[in-house]
Amino acid sequence: MSEEELEESIQWEAEQHIPFDISDVNLDYQVLNTESAASSDVLLVAVKKDKILNHTNVITQAGKSSGCGRH
């Protein structure tokens, strides 16, 4: 399946299994194996957006940058 088809499939599967409104979460995934043409293992991670915002706010209040750049 193409990358676009994979993303659509993962989005659909996530909506079936995540107990929150899908618009309230950030999703990411990693294909773990591609040995079989018939199926692949995929690691799916979902985090509620408000949890990320809470952590980002704590970092900002501590006077730190929440960016990933290295100095």
PDB file of N, CA and C in Angstrom:
ATOM      1  N   MET A   1       0.850  -1.172   0.000  1.00  0.00           N
ATOM      2  CA  MET A   1       0.000   0.000   0.000  1.00  0.00           C
ATOM      3  C   MET A   1       0.890   1.227   0.000  1.00  0.00           C
ATOM      4  N   SER A   2       0.387   2.275  -0.612  1.00  0.00           N
ATOM      5  CA  SER A   2       1.160   3.512  -0.683  1.00  0.00           C
ATOM      6  C   SER A   2       1.184   4.200   0.681  1.00  0.00           C
ATOM      7  N   GLU A   3       2.069   5.167   0.826  1.00  0.00           N
ATOM      8  CA  GLU A   3       2.183   5.920   2.081  1.00  0.00           C
ATOM      9  C   GLU A   3       0.864   6.637   2.391  1.00  0.00           C
ATOM     10  N   GLU A   4       0.242   7.192   1.359  1.00  0.00           N
ATOM     11  CA  GLU A   4      -1.039   7.894   1.550  1.00  0.00           C
ATOM     12  C   GLU A   4      -2.134   6.921   2.000  1.00  0.00           C
ATOM     13  N   GLU A   5      -2.183   5.748   1.389  1.00  0.00           N
ATOM     14  CA  GLU A   5      -3.164   4.735   1.786  1.00  0.00           C
ATOM     15  C   GLU A   5      -2.916   4.261   3.210  1.00  0.00           C
ATOM     16  N   LEU A   6      -1.651   4.109   3.570  1.00  0.00           N
ATOM     17  CA  LEU A   6      -1.295   3.701   4.923  1.00  0.00           C
ATOM     18  C   LEU A   6      -1.768   4.742   5.938  1.00  0.00           C
ATOM     19  N   GLU A   7      -1.532   6.005   5.672  1.00  0.00           N
ATOM     20  CA  GLU A   7      -1.962   7.072   6.577  1.00  0.00           C
ATOM     21  C   GLU A   7      -3.481   7.082   6.742  1.00  0.00           C
ATOM     22  N   GLU A   8      -4.209   6.899   5.661  1.00  0.00           N
ATOM     23  CA  GLU A   8      -5.670   6.854   5.732  1.00  0.00           C
ATOM     24  C   GLU A   8      -6.140   5.651   6.546  1.00  0.00           C
ATOM     25  N   SER A   9      -5.501   4.524   6.335  1.00  0.00           N
ATOM     26  CA  SER A   9      -5.856   3.302   7.056  1.00  0.00           C
ATOM     27  C   SER A   9      -5.579   3.451   8.549  1.00  0.00           C
ATOM     28  N   ILE A  10      -4.442   4.022   8.883  1.00  0.00           N
ATOM     29  CA  ILE A  10      -4.075   4.220  10.288  1.00  0.00           C
ATOM     30  C   ILE A  10      -5.035   5.206  10.944  1.00  0.00           C
ATOM     31  N   GLN A  11      -5.392   6.261  10.243  1.00  0.00           N
ATOM     32  CA  GLN A  11      -6.351   7.234  10.781  1.00  0.00           C
ATOM     33  C   GLN A  11      -7.683   6.532  11.087  1.00  0.00           C
ATOM     34  N   TRP A  12      -8.148   5.704  10.168  1.00  0.00           N
ATOM     35  CA  TRP A  12      -9.413   4.992  10.356  1.00  0.00           C
ATOM     36  C   TRP A  12      -9.310   4.042  11.547  1.00  0.00           C
ATOM     37  N   GLU A  13      -8.232   3.264  11.613  1.00  0.00           N
ATOM     38  CA  GLU A  13      -8.042   2.320  12.724  1.00  0.00           C
ATOM     39  C   GLU A  13      -7.965   3.056  14.055  1.00  0.00           C
ATOM     40  N   ALA A  14      -7.267   4.178  14.080  1.00  0.00           N
ATOM     41  CA  ALA A  14      -7.141   4.956  15.312  1.00  0.00           C
ATOM     42  C   ALA A  14      -8.513   5.411  15.791  1.00  0.00           C
ATOM     43  N   GLU A  15      -9.351   5.859  14.875  1.00  0.00           N
ATOM     44  CA  GLU A  15     -10.695   6.301  15.241  1.00  0.00           C
ATOM     45  C   GLU A  15     -11.512   5.171  15.862  1.00  0.00           C
ATOM     46  N   GLN A  16     -11.236   3.927  15.478  1.00  0.00           N
ATOM     47  CA  GLN A  16     -11.973   2.781  15.999  1.00  0.00           C
ATOM     48  C   GLN A  16     -11.529   2.398  17.408  1.00  0.00           C
ATOM     49  N   HIS A  17     -10.283   2.708  17.764  1.00  0.00           N
ATOM     50  CA  HIS A  17      -9.718   2.203  19.017  1.00  0.00           C
ATOM     51  C   HIS A  17      -9.450   3.261  20.091  1.00  0.00           C
ATOM     52  N   ILE A  18      -9.350   4.499  19.709  1.00  0.00           N
ATOM     53  CA  ILE A  18      -9.035   5.559  20.672  1.00  0.00           C
ATOM     54  C   ILE A  18     -10.343   6.069  21.278  1.00  0.00           C
ATOM     55  N   PRO A  19     -10.454   6.062  22.601  1.00  0.00           N
ATOM     56  CA  PRO A  19     -11.721   6.405  23.253  1.00  0.00           C
ATOM     57  C   PRO A  19     -11.991   7.913  23.376  1.00  0.00           C
ATOM     58  N   PHE A  20     -11.349   8.715  22.554  1.00  0.00           N
ATOM     59  CA  PHE A  20     -11.529  10.162  22.556  1.00  0.00           C
ATOM     60  C   PHE A  20     -11.860  10.607  21.142  1.00  0.00           C
ATOM     61  N   ASP A  21     -12.382  11.815  21.028  1.00  0.00           N
ATOM     62  CA  ASP A  21     -12.596  12.397  19.711  1.00  0.00           C
ATOM     63  C   ASP A  21     -11.233  12.507  19.027  1.00  0.00           C
ATOM     64  N   ILE A  22     -11.133  12.014  17.822  1.00  0.00           N
ATOM     65  CA  ILE A  22      -9.846  11.953  17.129  1.00  0.00           C
ATOM     66  C   ILE A  22      -9.263  13.353  16.903  1.00  0.00           C
ATOM     67  N   SER A  23     -10.109  14.384  16.879  1.00  0.00           N
ATOM     68  CA  SER A  23      -9.601  15.747  16.703  1.00  0.00           C
ATOM     69  C   SER A  23      -8.946  16.277  17.975  1.00  0.00           C
ATOM     70  N   ASP A  24      -9.124  15.566  19.099  1.00  0.00           N
ATOM     71  CA  ASP A  24      -8.533  15.977  20.375  1.00  0.00           C
ATOM     72  C   ASP A  24      -7.186  15.312  20.649  1.00  0.00           C
ATOM     73  N   VAL A  25      -6.678  14.531  19.699  1.00  0.00           N
ATOM     74  CA  VAL A  25      -5.414  13.833  19.921  1.00  0.00           C
ATOM     75  C   VAL A  25      -4.435  14.099  18.787  1.00  0.00           C
ATOM     76  N   ASN A  26      -3.159  13.984  19.111  1.00  0.00           N
ATOM     77  CA  ASN A  26      -2.105  13.962  18.114  1.00  0.00           C
ATOM     78  C   ASN A  26      -1.720  12.509  17.908  1.00  0.00           C
ATOM     79  N   LEU A  27      -1.616  12.118  16.654  1.00  0.00           N
ATOM     80  CA  LEU A  27      -1.262  10.740  16.319  1.00  0.00           C
ATOM     81  C   LEU A  27       0.099  10.693  15.655  1.00  0.00           C
ATOM     82  N   ASP A  28       0.807   9.608  15.906  1.00  0.00           N
ATOM     83  CA  ASP A  28       2.033   9.317  15.177  1.00  0.00           C
ATOM     84  C   ASP A  28       2.138   7.806  15.089  1.00  0.00           C
ATOM     85  N   TYR A  29       2.861   7.338  14.112  1.00  0.00           N
ATOM     86  CA  TYR A  29       3.013   5.893  13.941  1.00  0.00           C
ATOM     87  C   TYR A  29       4.367   5.573  13.336  1.00  0.00           C
ATOM     88  N   GLN A  30       4.760   4.332  13.523  1.00  0.00           N
ATOM     89  CA  GLN A  30       6.002   3.823  12.939  1.00  0.00           C
ATOM     90  C   GLN A  30       5.734   2.409  12.454  1.00  0.00           C
ATOM     91  N   VAL A  31       6.054   2.141  11.198  1.00  0.00           N
ATOM     92  CA  VAL A  31       5.935   0.785  10.676  1.00  0.00           C
ATOM     93  C   VAL A  31       7.118  -0.005  11.227  1.00  0.00           C
ATOM     94  N   LEU A  32       6.823  -1.116  11.910  1.00  0.00           N
ATOM     95  CA  LEU A  32       7.875  -1.883  12.581  1.00  0.00           C
ATOM     96  C   LEU A  32       8.497  -2.940  11.694  1.00  0.00           C
ATOM     97  N   ASN A  33       7.721  -3.498  10.793  1.00  0.00           N
ATOM     98  CA  ASN A  33       8.312  -4.463   9.860  1.00  0.00           C
ATOM     99  C   ASN A  33       7.578  -4.394   8.538  1.00  0.00           C
ATOM    100  N   THR A  34       8.279  -4.697   7.480  1.00  0.00           N
ATOM    101  CA  THR A  34       7.685  -4.721   6.144  1.00  0.00           C
ATOM    102  C   THR A  34       8.067  -6.011   5.433  1.00  0.00           C
ATOM    103  N   GLU A  35       8.362  -7.039   6.210  1.00  0.00           N
ATOM    104  CA  GLU A  35       8.806  -8.308   5.625  1.00  0.00           C
ATOM    105  C   GLU A  35       7.705  -8.998   4.833  1.00  0.00           C
ATOM    106  N   SER A  36       6.479  -8.887   5.282  1.00  0.00           N
ATOM    107  CA  SER A  36       5.367  -9.549   4.626  1.00  0.00           C
ATOM    108  C   SER A  36       4.624  -8.557   3.746  1.00  0.00           C
ATOM    109  N   ALA A  37       4.336  -8.968   2.513  1.00  0.00           N
ATOM    110  CA  ALA A  37       3.567  -8.103   1.629  1.00  0.00           C
ATOM    111  C   ALA A  37       2.103  -8.056   2.053  1.00  0.00           C
ATOM    112  N   ALA A  38       1.651  -9.069   2.784  1.00  0.00           N
ATOM    113  CA  ALA A  38       0.244  -9.159   3.180  1.00  0.00           C
ATOM    114  C   ALA A  38      -0.078  -8.304   4.398  1.00  0.00           C
ATOM    115  N   SER A  39       0.881  -8.116   5.314  1.00  0.00           N
ATOM    116  CA  SER A  39       0.605  -7.343   6.523  1.00  0.00           C
ATOM    117  C   SER A  39       1.888  -6.747   7.083  1.00  0.00           C
ATOM    118  N   SER A  40       1.707  -5.750   7.927  1.00  0.00           N
ATOM    119  CA  SER A  40       2.832  -5.105   8.604  1.00  0.00           C
ATOM    120  C   SER A  40       2.433  -4.822  10.035  1.00  0.00           C
ATOM    121  N   ASP A  41       3.413  -4.805  10.923  1.00  0.00           N
ATOM    122  CA  ASP A  41       3.176  -4.374  12.293  1.00  0.00           C
ATOM    123  C   ASP A  41       3.408  -2.870  12.347  1.00  0.00           C
ATOM    124  N   VAL A  42       2.490  -2.175  13.026  1.00  0.00           N
ATOM    125  CA  VAL A  42       2.578  -0.724  13.127  1.00  0.00           C
ATOM    126  C   VAL A  42       2.415  -0.336  14.589  1.00  0.00           C
ATOM    127  N   LEU A  43       3.303   0.518  15.067  1.00  0.00           N
ATOM    128  CA  LEU A  43       3.199   1.082  16.409  1.00  0.00           C
ATOM    129  C   LEU A  43       2.475   2.410  16.278  1.00  0.00           C
ATOM    130  N   LEU A  44       1.346   2.538  16.971  1.00  0.00           N
ATOM    131  CA  LEU A  44       0.542   3.751  16.930  1.00  0.00           C
ATOM    132  C   LEU A  44       0.592   4.418  18.296  1.00  0.00           C
ATOM    133  N   VAL A  45       0.832   5.722  18.307  1.00  0.00           N
ATOM    134  CA  VAL A  45       0.869   6.489  19.547  1.00  0.00           C
ATOM    135  C   VAL A  45      -0.136   7.626  19.419  1.00  0.00           C
ATOM    136  N   ALA A  46      -0.943   7.792  20.464  1.00  0.00           N
ATOM    137  CA  ALA A  46      -1.917   8.884  20.495  1.00  0.00           C
ATOM    138  C   ALA A  46      -1.811   9.583  21.845  1.00  0.00           C
ATOM    139  N   VAL A  47      -1.767  10.906  21.808  1.00  0.00           N
ATOM    140  CA  VAL A  47      -1.687  11.698  23.028  1.00  0.00           C
ATOM    141  C   VAL A  47      -2.703  12.829  22.909  1.00  0.00           C
ATOM    142  N   LYS A  48      -3.477  13.021  23.977  1.00  0.00           N
ATOM    143  CA  LYS A  48      -4.440  14.121  23.953  1.00  0.00           C
ATOM    144  C   LYS A  48      -3.689  15.442  23.857  1.00  0.00           C
ATOM    145  N   LYS A  49      -4.203  16.317  23.016  1.00  0.00           N
ATOM    146  CA  LYS A  49      -3.558  17.608  22.771  1.00  0.00           C
ATOM    147  C   LYS A  49      -3.434  18.440  24.039  1.00  0.00           C
ATOM    148  N   ASP A  50      -4.413  18.332  24.950  1.00  0.00           N
ATOM    149  CA  ASP A  50      -4.322  19.118  26.184  1.00  0.00           C
ATOM    150  C   ASP A  50      -3.174  18.651  27.070  1.00  0.00           C
ATOM    151  N   LYS A  51      -2.820  17.374  27.017  1.00  0.00           N
ATOM    152  CA  LYS A  51      -1.667  16.882  27.786  1.00  0.00           C
ATOM    153  C   LYS A  51      -0.370  17.491  27.255  1.00  0.00           C
ATOM    154  N   ILE A  52      -0.247  17.553  25.951  1.00  0.00           N
ATOM    155  CA  ILE A  52       0.946  18.156  25.346  1.00  0.00           C
ATOM    156  C   ILE A  52       1.008  19.636  25.707  1.00  0.00           C
ATOM    157  N   LEU A  53      -0.129  20.318  25.645  1.00  0.00           N
ATOM    158  CA  LEU A  53      -0.178  21.731  25.990  1.00  0.00           C
ATOM    159  C   LEU A  53       0.219  21.947  27.446  1.00  0.00           C
ATOM    160  N   ASN A  54      -0.238  21.097  28.354  1.00  0.00           N
ATOM    161  CA  ASN A  54       0.138  21.216  29.767  1.00  0.00           C
ATOM    162  C   ASN A  54       1.652  21.119  29.942  1.00  0.00           C
ATOM    163  N   HIS A  55       2.271  20.146  29.299  1.00  0.00           N
ATOM    164  CA  HIS A  55       3.726  19.975  29.414  1.00  0.00           C
ATOM    165  C   HIS A  55       4.468  21.154  28.793  1.00  0.00           C
ATOM    166  N   THR A  56       3.975  21.619  27.658  1.00  0.00           N
ATOM    167  CA  THR A  56       4.607  22.766  26.996  1.00  0.00           C
ATOM    168  C   THR A  56       4.518  24.007  27.872  1.00  0.00           C
ATOM    169  N   ASN A  57       3.369  24.212  28.514  1.00  0.00           N
ATOM    170  CA  ASN A  57       3.208  25.369  29.402  1.00  0.00           C
ATOM    171  C   ASN A  57       4.164  25.305  30.589  1.00  0.00           C
ATOM    172  N   VAL A  58       4.357  24.140  31.165  1.00  0.00           N
ATOM    173  CA  VAL A  58       5.288  23.987  32.286  1.00  0.00           C
ATOM    174  C   VAL A  58       6.706  24.338  31.841  1.00  0.00           C
ATOM    175  N   ILE A  59       7.086  23.885  30.679  1.00  0.00           N
ATOM    176  CA  ILE A  59       8.427  24.180  30.148  1.00  0.00           C
ATOM    177  C   ILE A  59       8.585  25.681  29.935  1.00  0.00           C
ATOM    178  N   THR A  60       7.559  26.301  29.349  1.00  0.00           N
ATOM    179  CA  THR A  60       7.605  27.746  29.102  1.00  0.00           C
ATOM    180  C   THR A  60       7.680  28.527  30.405  1.00  0.00           C
ATOM    181  N   GLN A  61       6.881  28.130  31.402  1.00  0.00           N
ATOM    182  CA  GLN A  61       6.889  28.816  32.692  1.00  0.00           C
ATOM    183  C   GLN A  61       8.233  28.670  33.397  1.00  0.00           C
ATOM    184  N   ALA A  62       8.933  27.606  33.106  1.00  0.00           N
ATOM    185  CA  ALA A  62      10.261  27.410  33.710  1.00  0.00           C
ATOM    186  C   ALA A  62      11.330  28.214  32.977  1.00  0.00           C
ATOM    187  N   GLY A  63      10.907  28.932  31.915  1.00  0.00           N
ATOM    188  CA  GLY A  63      11.848  29.774  31.169  1.00  0.00           C
ATOM    189  C   GLY A  63      12.659  29.002  30.167  1.00  0.00           C
ATOM    190  N   LYS A  64      12.219  27.830  29.847  1.00  0.00           N
ATOM    191  CA  LYS A  64      12.943  27.001  28.866  1.00  0.00           C
ATOM    192  C   LYS A  64      12.213  27.007  27.543  1.00  0.00           C
ATOM    193  N   SER A  65      12.907  26.616  26.509  1.00  0.00           N
ATOM    194  CA  SER A  65      12.325  26.503  25.181  1.00  0.00           C
ATOM    195  C   SER A  65      11.768  25.100  24.999  1.00  0.00           C
ATOM    196  N   SER A  66      10.608  24.997  24.384  1.00  0.00           N
ATOM    197  CA  SER A  66      10.026  23.683  24.123  1.00  0.00           C
ATOM    198  C   SER A  66      10.437  23.147  22.767  1.00  0.00           C
ATOM    199  N   GLY A  67      11.304  23.862  22.055  1.00  0.00           N
ATOM    200  CA  GLY A  67      11.771  23.424  20.740  1.00  0.00           C
ATOM    201  C   GLY A  67      12.762  22.287  20.853  1.00  0.00           C
ATOM    202  N   CYS A  68      12.985  21.628  19.749  1.00  0.00           N
ATOM    203  CA  CYS A  68      13.876  20.478  19.732  1.00  0.00           C
ATOM    204  C   CYS A  68      15.288  20.851  19.253  1.00  0.00           C
ATOM    205  N   GLY A  69      15.493  22.112  18.923  1.00  0.00           N
ATOM    206  CA  GLY A  69      16.808  22.513  18.419  1.00  0.00           C
ATOM    207  C   GLY A  69      17.881  22.408  19.489  1.00  0.00           C
ATOM    208  N   ARG A  70      19.091  22.109  19.053  1.00  0.00           N
ATOM    209  CA  ARG A  70      20.215  22.024  19.991  1.00  0.00           C
ATOM    210  C   ARG A  70      21.083  23.239  19.834  1.00  0.00           C
ATOM    211  N   HIS A  71      21.583  23.745  20.935  1.00  0.00           N
ATOM    212  CA  HIS A  71      22.433  24.941  20.908  1.00  0.00           C
ATOM    213  C   HIS A  71      23.800  24.620  21.435  1.00  0.00           C
TER     214      HIS A  71
END
